[in-house]
């Protein structure tokens, strides 16, 4: 990844956190992660990694 400037909407917060994909999936399933786009990405990743 390469750091670039952000162009966030007013009130928008973006936090980049590095973690293993299994932890991402676990946190998505147990409610720790509440952002829907992140949860969808985690479920897609879990599906792809299961193949």
Protein backbone atom coordinates (compact mmCIF):
# COMPACT_ATOMS: atom_id res chain seq x y z
CA UNK A 1 0.00 0.00 0.00
CA UNK A 2 1.01 3.54 -0.62
CA UNK A 3 0.01 6.47 1.57
CA UNK A 4 -1.91 9.14 -0.29
CA UNK A 5 -3.97 12.11 0.81
CA UNK A 6 -7.52 11.63 1.99
CA UNK A 7 -10.64 13.28 0.65
CA UNK A 8 -13.17 12.44 3.36
CA UNK A 9 -16.72 13.74 3.55
CA UNK A 10 -17.55 16.00 6.51
CA UNK A 11 -17.95 13.81 9.61
CA UNK A 12 -16.43 10.77 7.88
CA UNK A 13 -13.79 8.86 9.84
CA UNK A 14 -11.39 6.40 8.27
CA UNK A 15 -9.14 4.21 10.39
CA UNK A 16 -6.73 1.76 8.77
CA UNK A 17 -6.02 -1.24 11.00
CA UNK A 18 -3.81 -4.16 9.97
CA UNK A 19 -4.88 -7.61 11.21
CA UNK A 20 -4.95 -11.22 10.01
CA UNK A 21 -7.91 -11.99 7.76
CA UNK A 22 -9.22 -14.57 10.26
CA UNK A 23 -9.43 -11.87 12.94
CA UNK A 24 -11.27 -9.58 10.50
CA UNK A 25 -13.85 -12.29 9.84
CA UNK A 26 -14.22 -13.07 13.55
CA UNK A 27 -14.72 -9.41 14.47
CA UNK A 28 -17.25 -9.03 11.65
CA UNK A 29 -19.26 -11.99 12.90
CA UNK A 30 -19.20 -11.06 16.60
CA UNK A 31 -20.28 -7.45 16.07
CA UNK A 32 -17.00 -5.69 16.85
CA UNK A 33 -16.92 -4.36 13.30
CA UNK A 34 -20.13 -2.54 12.40
CA UNK A 35 -19.31 -0.99 9.02
CA UNK A 36 -21.41 -2.86 6.45
CA UNK A 37 -18.92 -2.48 3.57
CA UNK A 38 -16.17 -3.91 5.74
CA UNK A 39 -18.37 -6.83 6.84
CA UNK A 40 -19.31 -7.64 3.23
CA UNK A 41 -15.63 -7.57 2.26
CA UNK A 42 -14.78 -9.85 5.20
CA UNK A 43 -17.48 -12.37 4.22
CA UNK A 44 -16.29 -12.33 0.60
CA UNK A 45 -12.72 -12.89 1.78
CA UNK A 46 -13.77 -15.78 4.04
CA UNK A 47 -15.59 -17.37 1.10
CA UNK A 48 -12.57 -16.96 -1.20
CA UNK A 49 -10.12 -18.32 1.39
CA UNK A 50 -12.33 -21.37 1.98
CA UNK A 51 -11.98 -22.48 -1.68
